[in-house]
């Protein structure tokens, strides 16, 4: 898949203080680059109410992504308790 990023994704990652979680996000983006289908990414789940939008679970965080054709766009990294209030 083709991987793209939004500026808000990098701003959210910059605010994370735990190095282990940052490494998991880095592993996730590398995995997404090698996948053919988005369902191959660990923790991937489509959002039923928003077509083309999905979330990926990483410990206390959720990564909000948008799928357009063969492209995955990483948009946000938000704590689980706030994710559904701020994404999409």
PDB file of N, CA and C in Angstrom:
ATOM      1  N   UNK A   1       0.832  -1.179   0.000  1.00  0.00           N
ATOM      2  CA  UNK A   1       0.000   0.000   0.000  1.00  0.00           C
ATOM      3  C   UNK A   1       0.882   1.250   0.000  1.00  0.00           C
ATOM      4  N   UNK A   2       0.334   2.313  -0.500  1.00  0.00           N
ATOM      5  CA  UNK A   2       1.014   3.611  -0.473  1.00  0.00           C
ATOM      6  C   UNK A   2       0.655   4.282   0.849  1.00  0.00           C
ATOM      7  N   UNK A   3       1.641   4.750   1.576  1.00  0.00           N
ATOM      8  CA  UNK A   3       1.426   5.348   2.894  1.00  0.00           C
ATOM      9  C   UNK A   3       1.646   6.851   2.815  1.00  0.00           C
ATOM     10  N   UNK A   4       0.672   7.608   3.332  1.00  0.00           N
ATOM     11  CA  UNK A   4       0.778   9.068   3.415  1.00  0.00           C
ATOM     12  C   UNK A   4       0.443   9.482   4.835  1.00  0.00           C
ATOM     13  N   UNK A   5       0.855  10.688   5.189  1.00  0.00           N
ATOM     14  CA  UNK A   5       0.664  11.185   6.547  1.00  0.00           C
ATOM     15  C   UNK A   5       0.087  12.596   6.513  1.00  0.00           C
ATOM     16  N   UNK A   6      -0.712  12.915   7.531  1.00  0.00           N
ATOM     17  CA  UNK A   6      -1.186  14.274   7.734  1.00  0.00           C
ATOM     18  C   UNK A   6      -0.300  14.945   8.784  1.00  0.00           C
ATOM     19  N   UNK A   7      -0.271  16.241   8.775  1.00  0.00           N
ATOM     20  CA  UNK A   7       0.528  16.982   9.744  1.00  0.00           C
ATOM     21  C   UNK A   7       0.045  16.712  11.169  1.00  0.00           C
ATOM     22  N   UNK A   8      -1.243  16.537  11.344  1.00  0.00           N
ATOM     23  CA  UNK A   8      -1.798  16.274  12.671  1.00  0.00           C
ATOM     24  C   UNK A   8      -1.291  14.948  13.240  1.00  0.00           C
ATOM     25  N   UNK A   9      -0.990  13.977  12.381  1.00  0.00           N
ATOM     26  CA  UNK A   9      -0.442  12.696  12.834  1.00  0.00           C
ATOM     27  C   UNK A   9       0.912  12.911  13.503  1.00  0.00           C
ATOM     28  N   UNK A  10       1.782  13.682  12.866  1.00  0.00           N
ATOM     29  CA  UNK A  10       3.102  13.942  13.438  1.00  0.00           C
ATOM     30  C   UNK A  10       3.011  14.774  14.708  1.00  0.00           C
ATOM     31  N   UNK A  11       2.079  15.719  14.767  1.00  0.00           N
ATOM     32  CA  UNK A  11       1.891  16.509  15.983  1.00  0.00           C
ATOM     33  C   UNK A  11       1.438  15.629  17.145  1.00  0.00           C
ATOM     34  N   UNK A  12       0.551  14.677  16.869  1.00  0.00           N
ATOM     35  CA  UNK A  12       0.087  13.767  17.914  1.00  0.00           C
ATOM     36  C   UNK A  12       1.210  12.851  18.389  1.00  0.00           C
ATOM     37  N   UNK A  13       2.012  12.336  17.462  1.00  0.00           N
ATOM     38  CA  UNK A  13       3.117  11.449  17.835  1.00  0.00           C
ATOM     39  C   UNK A  13       4.153  12.211  18.658  1.00  0.00           C
ATOM     40  N   UNK A  14       4.370  13.456  18.344  1.00  0.00           N
ATOM     41  CA  UNK A  14       5.332  14.273  19.075  1.00  0.00           C
ATOM     42  C   UNK A  14       4.931  14.429  20.543  1.00  0.00           C
ATOM     43  N   UNK A  15       3.630  14.379  20.842  1.00  0.00           N
ATOM     44  CA  UNK A  15       3.146  14.552  22.210  1.00  0.00           C
ATOM     45  C   UNK A  15       3.206  13.274  23.045  1.00  0.00           C
ATOM     46  N   UNK A  16       3.485  12.130  22.419  1.00  0.00           N
ATOM     47  CA  UNK A  16       3.573  10.866  23.155  1.00  0.00           C
ATOM     48  C   UNK A  16       4.931  10.795  23.833  1.00  0.00           C
ATOM     49  N   UNK A  17       4.912  10.442  25.111  1.00  0.00           N
ATOM     50  CA  UNK A  17       6.146  10.429  25.884  1.00  0.00           C
ATOM     51  C   UNK A  17       6.753   9.031  26.035  1.00  0.00           C
ATOM     52  N   UNK A  18       5.954   7.995  25.868  1.00  0.00           N
ATOM     53  CA  UNK A  18       6.427   6.628  26.044  1.00  0.00           C
ATOM     54  C   UNK A  18       7.127   6.142  24.774  1.00  0.00           C
ATOM     55  N   UNK A  19       8.406   5.802  24.885  1.00  0.00           N
ATOM     56  CA  UNK A  19       9.204   5.394  23.721  1.00  0.00           C
ATOM     57  C   UNK A  19       8.687   4.082  23.130  1.00  0.00           C
ATOM     58  N   UNK A  20       8.227   3.161  23.977  1.00  0.00           N
ATOM     59  CA  UNK A  20       7.733   1.878  23.491  1.00  0.00           C
ATOM     60  C   UNK A  20       6.534   2.074  22.565  1.00  0.00           C
ATOM     61  N   UNK A  21       5.642   2.973  22.919  1.00  0.00           N
ATOM     62  CA  UNK A  21       4.468   3.222  22.084  1.00  0.00           C
ATOM     63  C   UNK A  21       4.849   3.909  20.780  1.00  0.00           C
ATOM     64  N   UNK A  22       5.848   4.764  20.816  1.00  0.00           N
ATOM     65  CA  UNK A  22       6.330   5.398  19.585  1.00  0.00           C
ATOM     66  C   UNK A  22       6.937   4.343  18.663  1.00  0.00           C
ATOM     67  N   UNK A  23       7.664   3.385  19.230  1.00  0.00           N
ATOM     68  CA  UNK A  23       8.230   2.299  18.421  1.00  0.00           C
ATOM     69  C   UNK A  23       7.137   1.429  17.821  1.00  0.00           C
ATOM     70  N   UNK A  24       6.041   1.196  18.568  1.00  0.00           N
ATOM     71  CA  UNK A  24       4.916   0.431  18.034  1.00  0.00           C
ATOM     72  C   UNK A  24       4.264   1.162  16.864  1.00  0.00           C
ATOM     73  N   UNK A  25       4.145   2.475  16.967  1.00  0.00           N
ATOM     74  CA  UNK A  25       3.566   3.261  15.869  1.00  0.00           C
ATOM     75  C   UNK A  25       4.478   3.211  14.647  1.00  0.00           C
ATOM     76  N   UNK A  26       5.782   3.268  14.874  1.00  0.00           N
ATOM     77  CA  UNK A  26       6.736   3.168  13.770  1.00  0.00           C
ATOM     78  C   UNK A  26       6.653   1.798  13.104  1.00  0.00           C
ATOM     79  N   UNK A  27       6.534   0.739  13.904  1.00  0.00           N
ATOM     80  CA  UNK A  27       6.376  -0.609  13.362  1.00  0.00           C
ATOM     81  C   UNK A  27       5.083  -0.710  12.556  1.00  0.00           C
ATOM     82  N   UNK A  28       4.027  -0.076  13.061  1.00  0.00           N
ATOM     83  CA  UNK A  28       2.739  -0.082  12.387  1.00  0.00           C
ATOM     84  C   UNK A  28       2.823   0.572  11.010  1.00  0.00           C
ATOM     85  N   UNK A  29       3.491   1.706  10.919  1.00  0.00           N
ATOM     86  CA  UNK A  29       3.607   2.394   9.633  1.00  0.00           C
ATOM     87  C   UNK A  29       4.469   1.586   8.654  1.00  0.00           C
ATOM     88  N   UNK A  30       5.510   0.915   9.160  1.00  0.00           N
ATOM     89  CA  UNK A  30       6.323   0.062   8.302  1.00  0.00           C
ATOM     90  C   UNK A  30       5.528  -1.136   7.802  1.00  0.00           C
ATOM     91  N   UNK A  31       4.706  -1.705   8.674  1.00  0.00           N
ATOM     92  CA  UNK A  31       3.862  -2.836   8.294  1.00  0.00           C
ATOM     93  C   UNK A  31       2.847  -2.421   7.236  1.00  0.00           C
ATOM     94  N   UNK A  32       2.266  -1.242   7.400  1.00  0.00           N
ATOM     95  CA  UNK A  32       1.280  -0.747   6.435  1.00  0.00           C
ATOM     96  C   UNK A  32       1.909  -0.566   5.056  1.00  0.00           C
ATOM     97  N   UNK A  33       3.175  -0.197   5.027  1.00  0.00           N
ATOM     98  CA  UNK A  33       3.868  -0.007   3.755  1.00  0.00           C
ATOM     99  C   UNK A  33       4.054  -1.323   3.011  1.00  0.00           C
ATOM    100  N   UNK A  34       4.155  -2.444   3.753  1.00  0.00           N
ATOM    101  CA  UNK A  34       4.398  -3.746   3.139  1.00  0.00           C
ATOM    102  C   UNK A  34       3.122  -4.520   2.832  1.00  0.00           C
ATOM    103  N   UNK A  35       1.991  -4.099   3.388  1.00  0.00           N
ATOM    104  CA  UNK A  35       0.730  -4.821   3.223  1.00  0.00           C
ATOM    105  C   UNK A  35       0.092  -4.551   1.866  1.00  0.00           C
ATOM    106  N   UNK A  36      -0.696  -5.514   1.433  1.00  0.00           N
ATOM    107  CA  UNK A  36      -1.469  -5.350   0.205  1.00  0.00           C
ATOM    108  C   UNK A  36      -2.882  -4.881   0.536  1.00  0.00           C
ATOM    109  N   UNK A  37      -3.469  -5.485   1.566  1.00  0.00           N
ATOM    110  CA  UNK A  37      -4.814  -5.117   2.021  1.00  0.00           C
ATOM    111  C   UNK A  37      -4.715  -4.490   3.400  1.00  0.00           C
ATOM    112  N   UNK A  38      -5.549  -3.502   3.714  1.00  0.00           N
ATOM    113  CA  UNK A  38      -5.454  -2.867   5.036  1.00  0.00           C
ATOM    114  C   UNK A  38      -5.792  -3.812   6.194  1.00  0.00           C
ATOM    115  N   UNK A  39      -6.599  -4.850   5.935  1.00  0.00           N
ATOM    116  CA  UNK A  39      -6.965  -5.801   6.980  1.00  0.00           C
ATOM    117  C   UNK A  39      -5.765  -6.608   7.485  1.00  0.00           C
ATOM    118  N   UNK A  40      -4.650  -6.588   6.771  1.00  0.00           N
ATOM    119  CA  UNK A  40      -3.444  -7.302   7.186  1.00  0.00           C
ATOM    120  C   UNK A  40      -2.708  -6.580   8.313  1.00  0.00           C
ATOM    121  N   UNK A  41      -3.025  -5.331   8.564  1.00  0.00           N
ATOM    122  CA  UNK A  41      -2.377  -4.551   9.617  1.00  0.00           C
ATOM    123  C   UNK A  41      -2.934  -5.014  10.959  1.00  0.00           C
ATOM    124  N   UNK A  42      -2.065  -5.340  11.933  1.00  0.00           N
ATOM    125  CA  UNK A  42      -2.572  -5.795  13.233  1.00  0.00           C
ATOM    126  C   UNK A  42      -3.357  -4.696  13.950  1.00  0.00           C
ATOM    127  N   UNK A  43      -4.522  -5.069  14.500  1.00  0.00           N
ATOM    128  CA  UNK A  43      -5.352  -4.118  15.232  1.00  0.00           C
ATOM    129  C   UNK A  43      -6.242  -3.261  14.355  1.00  0.00           C
ATOM    130  N   UNK A  44      -6.328  -3.540  13.051  1.00  0.00           N
ATOM    131  CA  UNK A  44      -7.104  -2.743  12.105  1.00  0.00           C
ATOM    132  C   UNK A  44      -8.588  -3.062  12.245  1.00  0.00           C
ATOM    133  N   UNK A  45      -9.420  -2.021  12.223  1.00  0.00           N
ATOM    134  CA  UNK A  45     -10.870  -2.206  12.261  1.00  0.00           C
ATOM    135  C   UNK A  45     -11.544  -1.058  11.523  1.00  0.00           C
ATOM    136  N   UNK A  46     -12.459  -1.401  10.615  1.00  0.00           N
ATOM    137  CA  UNK A  46     -13.211  -0.385   9.885  1.00  0.00           C
ATOM    138  C   UNK A  46     -14.203   0.295  10.827  1.00  0.00           C
ATOM    139  N   UNK A  47     -14.464   1.579  10.600  1.00  0.00           N
ATOM    140  CA  UNK A  47     -15.503   2.294  11.330  1.00  0.00           C
ATOM    141  C   UNK A  47     -16.794   2.166  10.529  1.00  0.00           C
ATOM    142  N   UNK A  48     -17.809   1.557  11.120  1.00  0.00           N
ATOM    143  CA  UNK A  48     -19.037   1.240  10.391  1.00  0.00           C
ATOM    144  C   UNK A  48     -19.785   2.469   9.893  1.00  0.00           C
ATOM    145  N   UNK A  49     -19.784   3.532  10.667  1.00  0.00           N
ATOM    146  CA  UNK A  49     -20.581   4.702  10.308  1.00  0.00           C
ATOM    147  C   UNK A  49     -19.899   5.608   9.288  1.00  0.00           C
ATOM    148  N   UNK A  50     -18.590   5.417   9.088  1.00  0.00           N
ATOM    149  CA  UNK A  50     -17.838   6.282   8.188  1.00  0.00           C
ATOM    150  C   UNK A  50     -17.116   5.447   7.148  1.00  0.00           C
ATOM    151  N   UNK A  51     -17.649   5.330   5.941  1.00  0.00           N
ATOM    152  CA  UNK A  51     -16.981   4.529   4.920  1.00  0.00           C
ATOM    153  C   UNK A  51     -15.619   5.112   4.553  1.00  0.00           C
ATOM    154  N   UNK A  52     -14.637   4.246   4.422  1.00  0.00           N
ATOM    155  CA  UNK A  52     -13.295   4.679   4.072  1.00  0.00           C
ATOM    156  C   UNK A  52     -12.455   5.070   5.273  1.00  0.00           C
ATOM    157  N   UNK A  53     -13.051   5.110   6.462  1.00  0.00           N
ATOM    158  CA  UNK A  53     -12.331   5.461   7.684  1.00  0.00           C
ATOM    159  C   UNK A  53     -12.135   4.198   8.522  1.00  0.00           C
ATOM    160  N   UNK A  54     -11.017   4.145   9.227  1.00  0.00           N
ATOM    161  CA  UNK A  54     -10.730   2.994  10.078  1.00  0.00           C
ATOM    162  C   UNK A  54      -9.895   3.439  11.260  1.00  0.00           C
ATOM    163  N   UNK A  55      -9.717   2.520  12.209  1.00  0.00           N
ATOM    164  CA  UNK A  55      -8.864   2.791  13.342  1.00  0.00           C
ATOM    165  C   UNK A  55      -7.955   1.596  13.557  1.00  0.00           C
ATOM    166  N   UNK A  56      -6.795   1.859  14.142  1.00  0.00           N
ATOM    167  CA  UNK A  56      -5.830   0.815  14.476  1.00  0.00           C
ATOM    168  C   UNK A  56      -5.527   0.959  15.952  1.00  0.00           C
ATOM    169  N   UNK A  57      -5.639  -0.155  16.676  1.00  0.00           N
ATOM    170  CA  UNK A  57      -5.470  -0.135  18.124  1.00  0.00           C
ATOM    171  C   UNK A  57      -4.008  -0.344  18.504  1.00  0.00           C
ATOM    172  N   UNK A  58      -3.485   0.561  19.339  1.00  0.00           N
ATOM    173  CA  UNK A  58      -2.139   0.441  19.904  1.00  0.00           C
ATOM    174  C   UNK A  58      -2.230   0.837  21.365  1.00  0.00           C
ATOM    175  N   UNK A  59      -2.191  -0.154  22.261  1.00  0.00           N
ATOM    176  CA  UNK A  59      -2.235   0.056  23.720  1.00  0.00           C
ATOM    177  C   UNK A  59      -3.312   1.072  24.092  1.00  0.00           C
ATOM    178  N   UNK A  60      -2.995   2.205  24.750  1.00  0.00           N
ATOM    179  CA  UNK A  60      -4.085   3.116  25.118  1.00  0.00           C
ATOM    180  C   UNK A  60      -4.467   4.062  23.987  1.00  0.00           C
ATOM    181  N   UNK A  61      -3.814   3.947  22.843  1.00  0.00           N
ATOM    182  CA  UNK A  61      -4.053   4.868  21.733  1.00  0.00           C
ATOM    183  C   UNK A  61      -4.824   4.201  20.610  1.00  0.00           C
ATOM    184  N   UNK A  62      -5.454   5.039  19.790  1.00  0.00           N
ATOM    185  CA  UNK A  62      -6.067   4.608  18.534  1.00  0.00           C
ATOM    186  C   UNK A  62      -5.497   5.489  17.437  1.00  0.00           C
ATOM    187  N   UNK A  63      -5.137   4.864  16.339  1.00  0.00           N
ATOM    188  CA  UNK A  63      -4.607   5.585  15.183  1.00  0.00           C
ATOM    189  C   UNK A  63      -5.737   5.666  14.166  1.00  0.00           C
ATOM    190  N   UNK A  64      -6.126   6.874  13.805  1.00  0.00           N
ATOM    191  CA  UNK A  64      -7.177   7.083  12.821  1.00  0.00           C
ATOM    192  C   UNK A  64      -6.585   7.142  11.430  1.00  0.00           C
ATOM    193  N   UNK A  65      -7.123   6.323  10.525  1.00  0.00           N
ATOM    194  CA  UNK A  65      -6.623   6.264   9.155  1.00  0.00           C
ATOM    195  C   UNK A  65      -7.781   6.394   8.167  1.00  0.00           C
ATOM    196  N   UNK A  66      -7.434   6.805   6.962  1.00  0.00           N
ATOM    197  CA  UNK A  66      -8.391   6.873   5.859  1.00  0.00           C
ATOM    198  C   UNK A  66      -7.833   6.029   4.726  1.00  0.00           C
ATOM    199  N   UNK A  67      -8.689   5.211   4.120  1.00  0.00           N
ATOM    200  CA  UNK A  67      -8.288   4.342   3.021  1.00  0.00           C
ATOM    201  C   UNK A  67      -8.946   4.857   1.746  1.00  0.00           C
ATOM    202  N   UNK A  68      -8.118   5.179   0.753  1.00  0.00           N
ATOM    203  CA  UNK A  68      -8.612   5.610  -0.555  1.00  0.00           C
ATOM    204  C   UNK A  68      -7.897   4.762  -1.596  1.00  0.00           C
ATOM    205  N   UNK A  69      -8.622   3.805  -2.146  1.00  0.00           N
ATOM    206  CA  UNK A  69      -8.018   2.913  -3.140  1.00  0.00           C
ATOM    207  C   UNK A  69      -6.883   2.106  -2.537  1.00  0.00           C
ATOM    208  N   UNK A  70      -5.685   2.282  -3.052  1.00  0.00           N
ATOM    209  CA  UNK A  70      -4.507   1.566  -2.577  1.00  0.00           C
ATOM    210  C   UNK A  70      -3.665   2.437  -1.648  1.00  0.00           C
ATOM    211  N   UNK A  71      -4.228   3.522  -1.142  1.00  0.00           N
ATOM    212  CA  UNK A  71      -3.497   4.468  -0.304  1.00  0.00           C
ATOM    213  C   UNK A  71      -4.077   4.479   1.101  1.00  0.00           C
ATOM    214  N   UNK A  72      -3.202   4.466   2.091  1.00  0.00           N
ATOM    215  CA  UNK A  72      -3.615   4.611   3.485  1.00  0.00           C
ATOM    216  C   UNK A  72      -3.040   5.924   4.007  1.00  0.00           C
ATOM    217  N   UNK A  73      -3.908   6.746   4.573  1.00  0.00           N
ATOM    218  CA  UNK A  73      -3.498   8.050   5.080  1.00  0.00           C
ATOM    219  C   UNK A  73      -3.611   8.025   6.597  1.00  0.00           C
ATOM    220  N   UNK A  74      -2.487   8.171   7.280  1.00  0.00           N
ATOM    221  CA  UNK A  74      -2.473   8.227   8.734  1.00  0.00           C
ATOM    222  C   UNK A  74      -2.834   9.647   9.152  1.00  0.00           C
ATOM    223  N   UNK A  75      -3.947   9.782   9.902  1.00  0.00           N
ATOM    224  CA  UNK A  75      -4.449  11.108  10.238  1.00  0.00           C
ATOM    225  C   UNK A  75      -4.185  11.526  11.679  1.00  0.00           C
ATOM    226  N   UNK A  76      -4.543  10.673  12.645  1.00  0.00           N
ATOM    227  CA  UNK A  76      -4.460  11.068  14.051  1.00  0.00           C
ATOM    228  C   UNK A  76      -3.981   9.909  14.920  1.00  0.00           C
ATOM    229  N   UNK A  77      -3.399  10.248  16.070  1.00  0.00           N
ATOM    230  CA  UNK A  77      -3.086   9.302  17.143  1.00  0.00           C
ATOM    231  C   UNK A  77      -3.661   9.924  18.407  1.00  0.00           C
ATOM    232  N   UNK A  78      -4.713   9.293  18.946  1.00  0.00           N
ATOM    233  CA  UNK A  78      -5.452   9.879  20.055  1.00  0.00           C
ATOM    234  C   UNK A  78      -5.676   8.805  21.121  1.00  0.00           C
ATOM    235  N   UNK A  79      -5.718   9.214  22.382  1.00  0.00           N
ATOM    236  CA  UNK A  79      -6.073   8.287  23.448  1.00  0.00           C
ATOM    237  C   UNK A  79      -7.453   7.703  23.188  1.00  0.00           C
ATOM    238  N   UNK A  80      -7.639   6.456  23.603  1.00  0.00           N
ATOM    239  CA  UNK A  80      -8.881   5.745  23.329  1.00  0.00           C
ATOM    240  C   UNK A  80     -10.106   6.497  23.854  1.00  0.00           C
ATOM    241  N   UNK A  81     -10.015   7.083  25.020  1.00  0.00           N
ATOM    242  CA  UNK A  81     -11.165   7.749  25.616  1.00  0.00           C
ATOM    243  C   UNK A  81     -11.614   8.987  24.833  1.00  0.00           C
ATOM    244  N   UNK A  82     -10.725   9.594  24.063  1.00  0.00           N
ATOM    245  CA  UNK A  82     -11.059  10.789  23.278  1.00  0.00           C
ATOM    246  C   UNK A  82     -11.181  10.516  21.775  1.00  0.00           C
ATOM    247  N   UNK A  83     -10.827   9.320  21.347  1.00  0.00           N
ATOM    248  CA  UNK A  83     -10.731   9.047  19.918  1.00  0.00           C
ATOM    249  C   UNK A  83     -12.056   9.273  19.188  1.00  0.00           C
ATOM    250  N   UNK A  84     -13.124   8.700  19.711  1.00  0.00           N
ATOM    251  CA  UNK A  84     -14.404   8.767  18.999  1.00  0.00           C
ATOM    252  C   UNK A  84     -15.052  10.148  19.114  1.00  0.00           C
ATOM    253  N   UNK A  85     -14.532  10.997  19.987  1.00  0.00           N
ATOM    254  CA  UNK A  85     -15.013  12.369  20.061  1.00  0.00           C
ATOM    255  C   UNK A  85     -14.336  13.270  19.041  1.00  0.00           C
ATOM    256  N   UNK A  86     -13.084  12.933  18.650  1.00  0.00           N
ATOM    257  CA  UNK A  86     -12.304  13.800  17.779  1.00  0.00           C
ATOM    258  C   UNK A  86     -12.069  13.248  16.380  1.00  0.00           C
ATOM    259  N   UNK A  87     -12.349  11.969  16.142  1.00  0.00           N
ATOM    260  CA  UNK A  87     -12.101  11.393  14.818  1.00  0.00           C
ATOM    261  C   UNK A  87     -13.374  10.787  14.305  1.00  0.00           C
ATOM    262  N   UNK A  88     -13.706  10.886  13.085  1.00  0.00           N
ATOM    263  CA  UNK A  88     -13.134  11.551  11.952  1.00  0.00           C
ATOM    264  C   UNK A  88     -13.517  12.959  11.940  1.00  0.00           C
TER     265      UNK A  88
END
